Protein backbone atom coordinates (compact mmCIF):
# COMPACT_ATOMS: atom_id res chain seq x y z
CA HIS A 1 19.05 -1.06 4.14
CA ILE A 2 21.03 0.68 1.96
CA ALA A 3 22.71 -2.40 0.36
CA LYS A 4 18.71 -3.03 -0.80
CA ARG A 5 19.09 -6.29 1.41
CA LEU A 6 16.89 -5.40 4.04
CA TYR A 7 13.23 -4.39 4.43
CA TYR A 8 11.96 -1.95 7.24
CA THR A 9 9.08 -2.78 8.80
CA ARG A 10 7.57 -1.63 12.64
CA LEU A 11 6.21 -5.08 12.66
CA PHE A 12 7.93 -6.45 15.46
CA ALA A 13 5.79 -5.22 18.53
CA GLY A 14 5.63 -1.49 17.27
CA ARG A 15 9.35 -1.40 17.18
CA PRO A 16 11.38 -1.06 13.68
CA GLY A 17 13.34 -3.38 12.41
CA PHE A 18 14.30 -4.96 9.16
CA ILE A 19 13.39 -8.34 7.23
CA ALA A 20 15.49 -10.45 5.15
CA LEU A 21 14.16 -9.92 1.22
CA ASP A 22 14.41 -13.75 1.40
CA TRP A 23 11.94 -14.03 4.46
CA LEU A 24 9.75 -11.20 3.37
CA PRO A 25 7.43 -12.99 1.24
CA ALA A 26 6.32 -15.16 4.30
CA PHE A 27 6.25 -11.95 6.59
CA ILE A 28 3.67 -10.59 4.28
CA ALA A 29 1.73 -13.73 3.81
CA ALA A 30 1.07 -13.83 7.60
CA ASN A 31 0.75 -10.17 8.54
CA GLY A 32 0.08 -8.46 5.33
CA ALA A 33 -3.02 -8.27 3.12
CA ALA A 34 -3.97 -6.05 -0.33
CA ALA A 35 -4.71 -1.59 0.88
CA ASP A 36 -8.35 -2.21 -1.21
CA GLU A 37 -9.20 -5.46 0.95
CA LEU A 38 -8.35 -3.43 4.37
CA PHE A 39 -9.81 -0.56 3.25
CA LEU A 40 -13.16 -2.30 2.01
CA LEU A 41 -13.42 -4.71 5.62
CA GLY A 42 -12.85 -1.16 7.56
CA ALA A 43 -9.36 -2.49 8.67
CA VAL A 44 -7.74 0.82 8.49
CA PRO A 45 -8.48 4.23 10.05
CA ALA A 46 -9.92 6.85 7.26
CA GLU A 47 -7.48 8.92 8.45
CA ALA A 48 -4.95 6.14 7.24
CA GLN A 49 -6.78 5.41 4.31
CA ALA A 50 -5.91 9.22 3.14
CA ILE A 51 -2.40 9.58 3.85
CA TYR A 52 -2.21 5.85 1.66
CA ARG A 53 -4.02 7.66 -1.02
CA LEU A 54 -1.54 10.43 -1.21
CA VAL A 55 1.50 8.64 -1.14
CA GLU A 56 0.26 6.60 -3.60
CA GLU A 57 -0.83 9.90 -5.86
CA HIS A 58 2.78 11.71 -5.05
CA GLY A 59 4.82 8.38 -4.99
CA PRO A 60 7.92 8.71 -2.38
CA ILE A 61 7.81 12.04 -0.29
CA ALA A 62 9.14 13.16 2.90
CA ILE A 63 6.76 12.89 5.66
CA ARG A 64 6.90 17.19 6.64
CA ALA A 65 5.71 17.15 2.75
CA LEU A 66 3.52 14.67 2.99
CA LYS A 67 2.17 16.56 6.32
CA LYS A 68 2.25 19.33 4.91
CA LEU A 69 -0.70 18.12 2.20
CA LEU A 70 -2.78 17.10 5.54
CA PRO A 71 -5.27 19.28 6.93
CA PRO A 72 -3.77 20.53 9.80
CA ASP A 73 -5.88 18.61 12.95
CA ALA A 74 -4.80 15.41 10.85
CA ARG A 75 -0.74 16.32 10.88
CA LYS A 76 -1.09 15.52 14.75
CA THR A 77 -1.54 12.13 14.15
CA ALA A 78 -0.06 11.16 10.96
CA THR A 79 2.91 9.38 12.50
CA GLY A 80 0.85 7.11 14.34
CA HIS A 81 -1.28 6.39 11.08
CA LEU A 82 2.17 5.77 9.10
CA TRP A 83 3.32 2.99 11.62
CA GLU A 84 -0.11 0.95 11.15
CA LEU A 85 0.10 1.42 7.38
CA GLU A 86 3.71 0.06 7.82
CA ARG A 87 3.09 -2.87 10.36
CA ARG A 88 0.11 -3.53 7.33
CA PHE A 89 2.83 -3.63 4.71
CA LEU A 90 1.13 -0.73 2.71
CA ILE A 91 4.08 1.41 2.95
CA THR A 92 7.80 1.64 3.86
CA VAL A 93 10.34 4.42 4.86
CA ALA A 94 12.86 4.76 1.82
CA ASP A 95 15.22 7.18 3.40
CA ALA A 96 17.18 6.34 6.59
CA ALA A 97 19.02 9.25 6.69
CA PRO A 98 16.52 11.53 8.18
CA THR A 99 14.95 13.74 6.15
CA ALA A 100 11.27 13.86 7.47
CA THR A 101 11.11 11.63 10.72
CA SER A 102 12.49 11.12 7.93
CA GLY A 103 11.50 9.14 6.03
CA ILE A 104 10.31 8.74 2.59
CA TRP A 105 6.99 7.16 2.52
CA PRO A 106 6.47 5.03 -1.24
CA THR A 107 3.37 2.68 -1.54
CA ALA A 108 4.99 -0.73 -0.33
CA GLY A 109 4.02 -2.20 -4.29
CA SER A 110 6.68 0.67 -5.21
CA PRO A 111 9.68 -0.48 -7.28
CA PRO A 112 12.60 -1.42 -5.47
CA PRO A 113 14.10 1.66 -4.01
CA SER A 114 17.63 3.41 -3.96
CA PRO A 115 19.25 4.82 -1.52
CA PRO A 116 18.12 6.80 -0.09
CA LEU A 117 15.47 4.25 1.34
CA THR A 118 12.25 4.46 0.11
CA ALA A 119 8.86 2.98 1.50
């Protein structure tokens, strides 16, 4: 959210929505886990892990730029993997103004974004 009072996620039956920052710790406690733990347990597909690592390496990145870093066959499923990472509170959209379907996707541990929204 532009006023930095809300957190964007796809937690609600896969639909996008916002959570008040006051409620965010409770949602993460109930629905989130550390990326390394999820990866170790095999709870996140390898393709989603690769996307997470690219975002972690490059920082906030537009989806078009992110997809260019992926092999051609992985580009088709990238959006679904991004949504999975969102639902697990590992990344979030950082740009409400569509510039790459168009969010900027930083990891959830990134510092709070300045507009446009970051993940």
